[in-house]
Amino acid sequence: MNNIFVICEIDEGKVADVSLELLTKGRSLANKLNCKLEAVALGHNLKGIETQIFPYGADVVYVGNSAHLEPYTTLPHAAVINGLFTEQKPQIALLGATTMGRDLGPRISSALVSGLTADCTALEIGDHEDKKAGKTYTNLLYQIRPAFGGNIVATIVNPDCRPQMATVREGVMKKEIFSATHKGEVINIDVNKYIKPEDLVVKIIERHIEKSRVNIKNSPIIVSGGYGMGSKENFQLLYDLAEVIGGEVGASRAAVDAGFAPHERQVGQTGVTVRPKLYIACGISGQIQHTAGMEESAMIIAINNDPSAPINAIADYVITGDALSVIPKMIKYYRKNSK
């Protein structure tokens, strides 16, 4: 039980960003544990898929190439991963908190009786002392995530069961190339050894995919609104400001729950994690559930009529006032002073 595994999500021959982000994090964890980083790539027509994975630090890539593995269906993927993990016995397994990851992760952890922490915002290596049992555990995976509606940050450890499993949302971890020339070992999996006839009872006949029209994650400027904006109509001010300065509109969970903005614009632990050059938070109090998704922005401007709002503690600039009055002035003076 020495190595760290990342289950890669692949669609149309491309490794998902969230998987590359987890490989980046997995590489740093593997360095601390002095172990190998291994990746699992399942799909069809995957020739050369390792060239997308090796630059992010993987030492070994297991490739399962079969028509049964594309597009993703639960049973064959779970059968292959369960069989591979039973043989290789990883100490840590990571996968994205995507539609696929949320479906696949619990099945693997249940079959292997390992436990799973969902939607982690940080992963670290540390020790744990169980005073009741009189035991000290070393080099455990700290699985860190907001809990109780974002009111606290919980650190979850799994002392005894393996693998220690966690899912992470896209954008939470940084995606960085370890070495453009890094090479490792490719191991082809005989998927027929694991997949049984009963795993093929579901067949995808036709797929329709609608691409998202909102690109918050990659926007350099985000104008985000919270419940303090007051109404869906008032949110139009944010769209006006975003249009003027060339940004995208985001929203807090409270604003989305109130119907002020669609879920695809939600920033935070249960939405999108972003790192824009400029983040303007309007009428957002700054609960941990939200700040977990934007605190690494290069510059944060907070507009809030509460001078003691938590968002102010992480903001570079604070404007204390009514966002409904401040935003029109920002639009006016930006237009006046921009060429």
Protein backbone atom coordinates (compact mmCIF):
# COMPACT_ATOMS: atom_id res chain seq x y z
CA MET A 1 0.00 0.00 0.00
CA ASN A 2 2.57 2.53 -1.09
CA ASN A 3 1.41 4.47 -4.10
CA ILE A 4 -1.02 7.28 -4.93
CA PHE A 5 -3.53 6.70 -7.73
CA VAL A 6 -5.44 9.33 -9.71
CA ILE A 7 -8.44 8.09 -11.68
CA CYS A 8 -8.42 10.22 -14.81
CA GLU A 9 -11.60 11.37 -16.49
CA ILE A 10 -11.35 11.20 -20.26
CA ASP A 11 -13.83 12.35 -22.86
CA GLU A 12 -13.26 12.30 -26.62
CA GLY A 13 -9.59 11.52 -26.11
CA LYS A 14 -8.87 14.46 -23.81
CA VAL A 15 -7.96 14.22 -20.13
CA ALA A 16 -10.17 16.51 -18.04
CA ASP A 17 -8.62 19.53 -16.35
CA VAL A 18 -9.72 18.29 -12.93
CA SER A 19 -7.68 15.11 -13.44
CA LEU A 20 -4.58 17.10 -14.41
CA GLU A 21 -5.10 19.27 -11.31
CA LEU A 22 -5.25 16.13 -9.16
CA LEU A 23 -2.10 14.78 -10.80
CA THR A 24 -0.35 18.02 -9.88
CA LYS A 25 -1.47 17.68 -6.26
CA GLY A 26 -0.79 13.95 -6.28
CA ARG A 27 2.79 14.57 -7.39
CA SER A 28 3.44 16.82 -4.39
CA LEU A 29 1.84 14.29 -2.03
CA ALA A 30 3.88 11.46 -3.56
CA ASN A 31 7.06 13.47 -3.05
CA LYS A 32 6.24 13.86 0.64
CA LEU A 33 5.50 10.16 1.01
CA ASN A 34 8.43 9.12 -1.16
CA CYS A 35 6.19 6.92 -3.28
CA LYS A 36 5.05 6.68 -6.89
CA LEU A 37 2.23 8.62 -8.51
CA GLU A 38 0.12 6.38 -10.72
CA ALA A 39 -2.74 7.24 -13.05
CA VAL A 40 -5.62 5.19 -14.44
CA ALA A 41 -6.97 6.02 -17.91
CA LEU A 42 -10.05 4.11 -19.07
CA GLY A 43 -11.76 4.60 -22.42
CA HIS A 44 -11.54 3.71 -26.09
CA ASN A 45 -9.00 4.65 -28.77
CA LEU A 46 -6.59 5.86 -26.10
CA LYS A 47 -3.37 5.47 -28.07
CA GLY A 48 -0.90 8.07 -26.86
CA ILE A 49 -3.08 9.19 -23.91
CA GLU A 50 -0.02 8.91 -21.64
CA THR A 51 1.54 11.93 -23.40
CA GLN A 52 -1.14 14.10 -21.77
CA ILE A 53 -0.51 12.58 -18.34
CA PHE A 54 3.26 12.14 -17.95
CA PRO A 55 4.08 15.90 -17.97
CA TYR A 56 2.07 16.25 -14.74
CA GLY A 57 4.35 13.86 -12.87
CA ALA A 58 2.84 10.39 -13.20
CA ASP A 59 5.33 7.55 -12.82
CA VAL A 60 2.98 4.86 -14.10
CA VAL A 61 -0.10 5.06 -16.33
CA TYR A 62 -2.53 2.13 -16.40
CA VAL A 63 -4.44 2.19 -19.70
CA GLY A 64 -7.70 0.29 -20.12
CA ASN A 65 -8.69 0.41 -23.78
CA SER A 66 -12.08 -1.02 -24.68
CA ALA A 67 -15.26 -0.05 -26.49
CA HIS A 68 -17.08 -1.03 -23.28
CA LEU A 69 -15.41 1.92 -21.49
CA GLU A 70 -16.59 4.76 -23.73
CA PRO A 71 -18.75 6.61 -23.09
CA TYR A 72 -18.65 6.28 -19.31
CA THR A 73 -21.03 3.79 -17.75
CA THR A 74 -20.95 2.85 -14.11
CA LEU A 75 -20.60 -0.92 -13.96
CA PRO A 76 -17.68 -1.62 -16.33
CA HIS A 77 -15.62 1.29 -15.00
CA ALA A 78 -16.26 0.25 -11.39
CA ALA A 79 -15.38 -3.37 -12.18
CA VAL A 80 -12.02 -2.45 -13.73
CA ILE A 81 -11.05 0.02 -10.96
CA ASN A 82 -12.11 -2.36 -8.18
CA GLY A 83 -10.12 -5.18 -9.72
CA LEU A 84 -7.03 -3.02 -10.28
CA PHE A 85 -7.14 -1.54 -6.77
CA THR A 86 -7.60 -4.96 -5.20
CA GLU A 87 -4.38 -6.04 -6.90
CA GLN A 88 -2.29 -2.88 -6.52
CA LYS A 89 -3.58 -1.76 -3.10
CA PRO A 90 -3.01 2.01 -3.33
CA GLN A 91 -2.79 3.98 -0.10
CA ILE A 92 -4.48 7.05 -1.62
CA ALA A 93 -6.94 7.34 -4.53
CA LEU A 94 -8.13 10.68 -5.93
CA LEU A 95 -10.78 11.55 -8.50
CA GLY A 96 -12.70 14.61 -9.63
CA ALA A 97 -15.97 15.63 -7.99
CA THR A 98 -17.68 15.53 -11.38
CA THR A 99 -20.77 13.66 -12.52
CA MET A 100 -18.53 10.68 -13.23
CA GLY A 101 -16.53 10.99 -9.99
CA ARG A 102 -19.64 11.31 -7.83
CA ASP A 103 -21.02 8.15 -9.40
CA LEU A 104 -17.82 6.10 -9.51
CA GLY A 105 -16.15 7.11 -6.23
CA PRO A 106 -18.82 5.80 -3.83
CA ARG A 107 -19.05 2.48 -5.68
CA ILE A 108 -15.31 1.92 -5.41
CA SER A 109 -15.10 2.95 -1.77
CA SER A 110 -18.11 0.80 -0.89
CA ALA A 111 -16.74 -2.26 -2.66
CA LEU A 112 -13.31 -1.86 -1.04
CA VAL A 113 -14.77 -0.77 2.35
CA SER A 114 -12.47 2.24 2.36
CA GLY A 115 -14.53 5.36 2.98
CA LEU A 116 -14.65 8.50 0.85
CA THR A 117 -14.49 12.24 1.57
CA ALA A 118 -16.29 14.32 -1.05
CA ASP A 119 -15.60 17.86 -2.29
CA CYS A 120 -12.29 18.41 -0.51
CA THR A 121 -10.78 21.89 -0.69
CA ALA A 122 -7.32 20.84 0.52
CA LEU A 123 -5.27 17.65 0.79
CA GLU A 124 -2.24 17.37 3.05
CA ILE A 125 -0.08 14.69 4.67
CA GLY A 126 0.14 14.53 8.48
CA ASP A 127 0.01 12.41 11.60
CA HIS A 128 -2.89 11.50 13.86
CA GLU A 129 -3.01 10.40 17.48
CA ASP A 130 -5.91 8.23 18.61
CA LYS A 131 -5.84 8.77 22.37
CA LYS A 132 -8.66 6.33 23.06
CA ALA A 133 -6.93 3.49 21.24
CA GLY A 134 -3.49 4.61 22.33
CA LYS A 135 -2.22 4.63 18.74
CA THR A 136 -0.29 7.14 16.67
CA TYR A 137 -0.68 7.06 12.89
CA THR A 138 1.88 8.65 10.57
CA ASN A 139 1.62 9.95 7.02
CA LEU A 140 -2.16 9.98 6.77
CA LEU A 141 -4.05 11.94 4.16
CA TYR A 142 -5.71 14.99 5.70
CA GLN A 143 -8.95 15.39 3.74
CA ILE A 144 -10.04 18.96 4.38
CA ARG A 145 -13.45 20.39 3.49
CA PRO A 146 -16.08 22.81 4.79
CA ALA A 147 -18.84 21.18 6.83
CA PHE A 148 -22.15 22.09 8.50
CA GLY A 149 -23.18 24.41 5.70
CA GLY A 150 -19.73 25.97 5.49
CA ASN A 151 -19.66 27.10 9.12
CA ILE A 152 -16.58 25.05 10.00
CA VAL A 153 -13.64 23.46 8.24
CA ALA A 154 -13.39 19.73 8.94
CA THR A 155 -10.20 17.66 8.67
CA ILE A 156 -11.08 14.03 8.02
CA VAL A 157 -8.63 11.15 8.40
CA ASN A 158 -8.92 7.46 7.63
CA PRO A 159 -6.41 5.67 9.88
CA ASP A 160 -7.10 2.03 9.10
CA CYS A 161 -8.91 1.47 5.79
CA ARG A 162 -7.26 1.73 2.38
CA PRO A 163 -7.26 3.36 -0.01
CA GLN A 164 -7.86 6.77 1.53
CA MET A 165 -10.24 8.21 -1.07
CA ALA A 166 -11.20 11.81 -1.81
CA THR A 167 -12.92 13.77 -4.56
CA VAL A 168 -12.04 17.35 -5.46
CA ARG A 169 -13.92 19.85 -7.61
CA GLU A 170 -12.44 21.30 -10.76
CA GLY A 171 -10.42 24.44 -10.14
CA VAL A 172 -9.74 23.77 -6.45
CA MET A 173 -6.19 22.55 -7.10
CA LYS A 174 -3.69 24.30 -9.35
CA LYS A 175 -2.79 22.64 -12.64
CA GLU A 176 0.97 22.81 -13.18
CA ILE A 177 3.25 20.82 -15.46
CA PHE A 178 5.80 18.90 -13.41
CA SER A 179 8.21 18.45 -16.32
CA ALA A 180 7.52 18.59 -20.04
CA THR A 181 10.07 15.80 -20.57
CA HIS A 182 8.94 13.56 -17.70
CA LYS A 183 8.38 9.96 -18.77
CA GLY A 184 7.07 6.91 -16.98
CA GLU A 185 5.84 3.39 -17.49
CA VAL A 186 2.70 2.46 -19.45
CA ILE A 187 0.86 -0.67 -18.31
CA ASN A 188 -1.99 -1.92 -20.49
CA ILE A 189 -4.89 -3.38 -18.54
CA ASP A 190 -6.69 -6.51 -19.76
CA VAL A 191 -10.15 -5.14 -19.02
CA ASN A 192 -11.82 -8.43 -20.00
CA LYS A 193 -10.27 -9.93 -16.87
CA TYR A 194 -12.43 -7.65 -14.73
CA ILE A 195 -15.58 -6.94 -16.74
CA LYS A 196 -18.31 -9.57 -16.46
CA PRO A 197 -21.35 -9.97 -18.77
CA GLU A 198 -23.63 -8.53 -16.08
CA ASP A 199 -21.55 -5.34 -16.08
CA LEU A 200 -22.68 -4.64 -19.65
CA VAL A 201 -26.44 -4.58 -19.10
CA VAL A 202 -26.56 -0.81 -19.74
CA LYS A 203 -25.72 0.49 -23.20
CA ILE A 204 -25.57 4.13 -24.29
CA ILE A 205 -27.54 4.35 -27.52
CA GLU A 206 -27.26 8.08 -28.14
CA ARG A 207 -25.55 11.04 -26.45
CA HIS A 208 -26.49 14.70 -26.53
CA ILE A 209 -24.10 17.16 -24.85
CA GLU A 210 -24.83 20.84 -24.50
CA LYS A 211 -21.72 22.90 -23.98
CA SER A 212 -21.87 25.43 -21.16
CA ARG A 213 -22.34 29.00 -22.36
CA VAL A 214 -20.93 30.44 -19.12
CA ASN A 215 -17.16 30.47 -18.76
CA ILE A 216 -16.61 31.68 -15.20
CA LYS A 217 -13.62 29.46 -14.49
CA ASN A 218 -11.43 30.97 -17.20
CA SER A 219 -12.58 34.58 -16.93
CA PRO A 220 -9.85 37.03 -15.78
CA ILE A 221 -12.48 39.32 -14.22
CA ILE A 222 -15.50 38.20 -12.21
CA VAL A 223 -18.23 40.43 -10.82
CA SER A 224 -20.01 38.33 -8.22
CA GLY A 225 -23.19 39.06 -6.29
CA GLY A 226 -24.64 37.74 -3.06
CA TYR A 227 -27.96 37.75 -1.25
CA GLY A 228 -27.25 41.37 -0.34
CA MET A 229 -28.05 42.39 -3.93
CA GLY A 230 -31.69 42.03 -2.91
CA SER A 231 -33.33 40.66 -6.06
CA LYS A 232 -32.88 39.11 -9.48
CA GLU A 233 -33.62 42.50 -11.04
CA ASN A 234 -30.81 44.13 -9.06
CA PHE A 235 -28.42 41.49 -10.40
CA GLN A 236 -28.71 43.23 -13.77
CA LEU A 237 -26.32 45.85 -12.39
CA LEU A 238 -23.67 43.14 -12.14
CA TYR A 239 -24.19 42.17 -15.77
CA ASP A 240 -23.89 45.83 -16.74
CA LEU A 241 -20.61 46.22 -14.83
CA ALA A 242 -19.24 42.93 -16.19
CA GLU A 243 -20.03 44.01 -19.74
CA VAL A 244 -18.23 47.34 -19.28
CA ILE A 245 -15.05 45.87 -17.80
CA GLY A 246 -14.99 42.66 -19.84
CA GLY A 247 -15.81 40.16 -17.11
CA GLU A 248 -18.23 37.39 -16.20
CA VAL A 249 -20.96 37.40 -13.55
CA GLY A 250 -20.75 35.05 -10.58
CA ALA A 251 -22.98 34.48 -7.58
CA SER A 252 -22.89 33.14 -4.04
CA ARG A 253 -24.89 30.10 -3.03
CA ALA A 254 -27.37 32.28 -1.12
CA ALA A 255 -28.01 34.33 -4.25
CA VAL A 256 -28.49 31.20 -6.36
CA ASP A 257 -30.81 29.62 -3.78
CA ALA A 258 -32.85 32.84 -3.77
CA GLY A 259 -33.24 32.65 -7.56
CA PHE A 260 -31.14 35.73 -8.30
CA ALA A 261 -28.80 33.81 -10.64
CA PRO A 262 -28.56 30.33 -12.23
CA HIS A 263 -26.50 27.58 -10.57
CA GLU A 264 -23.95 27.59 -13.42
CA ARG A 265 -22.75 30.96 -12.11
CA GLN A 266 -22.31 29.81 -8.50
CA VAL A 267 -18.87 30.35 -7.01
CA GLY A 268 -17.84 28.40 -3.92
CA GLN A 269 -17.57 24.96 -2.42
CA THR A 270 -20.76 23.74 -4.11
CA GLY A 271 -20.14 25.75 -7.27
CA VAL A 272 -17.05 26.70 -9.26
CA THR A 273 -13.61 27.45 -7.85
CA VAL A 274 -12.03 30.45 -9.58
CA ARG A 275 -8.71 32.32 -9.58
CA PRO A 276 -9.31 35.47 -11.63
CA LYS A 277 -7.03 38.48 -11.79
CA LEU A 278 -9.87 40.59 -10.35
CA TYR A 279 -12.82 39.46 -8.22
CA ILE A 280 -15.45 42.05 -7.29
CA ALA A 281 -17.70 40.76 -4.50
CA CYS A 282 -20.96 42.73 -4.29
CA GLY A 283 -23.32 42.19 -1.36
CA ILE A 284 -21.48 39.01 -0.35
CA SER A 285 -20.91 38.43 3.36
CA GLY A 286 -18.01 36.03 2.82
CA GLN A 287 -18.95 32.75 4.49
CA ILE A 288 -16.31 30.03 4.19
CA GLN A 289 -18.44 28.12 1.69
CA HIS A 290 -18.00 31.00 -0.74
CA THR A 291 -14.48 32.15 0.06
CA ALA A 292 -13.18 28.59 -0.44
CA GLY A 293 -13.98 29.08 -4.11
CA MET A 294 -12.41 32.51 -4.72
CA GLU A 295 -9.86 33.36 -2.02
CA GLU A 296 -6.92 32.78 -4.36
CA SER A 297 -8.01 35.58 -6.70
CA ALA A 298 -5.12 37.92 -7.51
CA MET A 299 -7.10 40.99 -6.36
CA ILE A 300 -10.38 41.12 -4.43
CA ILE A 301 -12.62 44.17 -4.13
CA ALA A 302 -15.47 43.88 -1.63
CA ILE A 303 -18.54 46.11 -1.80
CA ASN A 304 -20.67 45.69 1.30
CA ASN A 305 -22.65 47.91 3.65
CA ASP A 306 -21.41 45.85 6.62
CA PRO A 307 -17.92 47.04 7.63
CA SER A 308 -17.38 43.85 9.66
CA ALA A 309 -18.36 41.40 6.90
CA PRO A 310 -15.99 38.38 6.77
CA ILE A 311 -15.26 39.05 3.08
CA ASN A 312 -13.42 42.21 4.13
CA ALA A 313 -10.75 40.16 5.89
CA ILE A 314 -9.48 38.70 2.61
CA ALA A 315 -10.24 41.69 0.34
CA ASP A 316 -7.46 43.88 -1.03
CA TYR A 317 -9.85 46.85 -1.23
CA VAL A 318 -13.07 47.38 0.72
CA ILE A 319 -15.84 49.74 -0.32
CA THR A 320 -18.30 50.17 2.55
CA GLY A 321 -21.62 51.15 1.07
CA ASP A 322 -24.75 50.01 -0.74
CA ALA A 323 -23.77 48.02 -3.81
CA LEU A 324 -26.85 49.36 -5.62
CA SER A 325 -25.40 52.86 -5.31
CA VAL A 326 -21.71 52.00 -5.73
CA ILE A 327 -21.93 49.87 -8.89
CA PRO A 328 -23.60 52.54 -11.10
CA LYS A 329 -20.86 54.98 -10.06
CA MET A 330 -18.19 52.40 -10.96
CA ILE A 331 -19.77 51.96 -14.39
CA LYS A 332 -20.02 55.72 -14.89
CA TYR A 333 -16.43 56.51 -13.95
CA TYR A 334 -14.96 53.52 -15.75
CA ARG A 335 -16.63 54.63 -18.97
CA LYS A 336 -15.54 58.20 -18.38
CA ASN A 337 -11.89 57.34 -17.75
CA SER A 338 -11.35 54.43 -20.13
CA LYS A 339 -10.23 54.99 -23.68
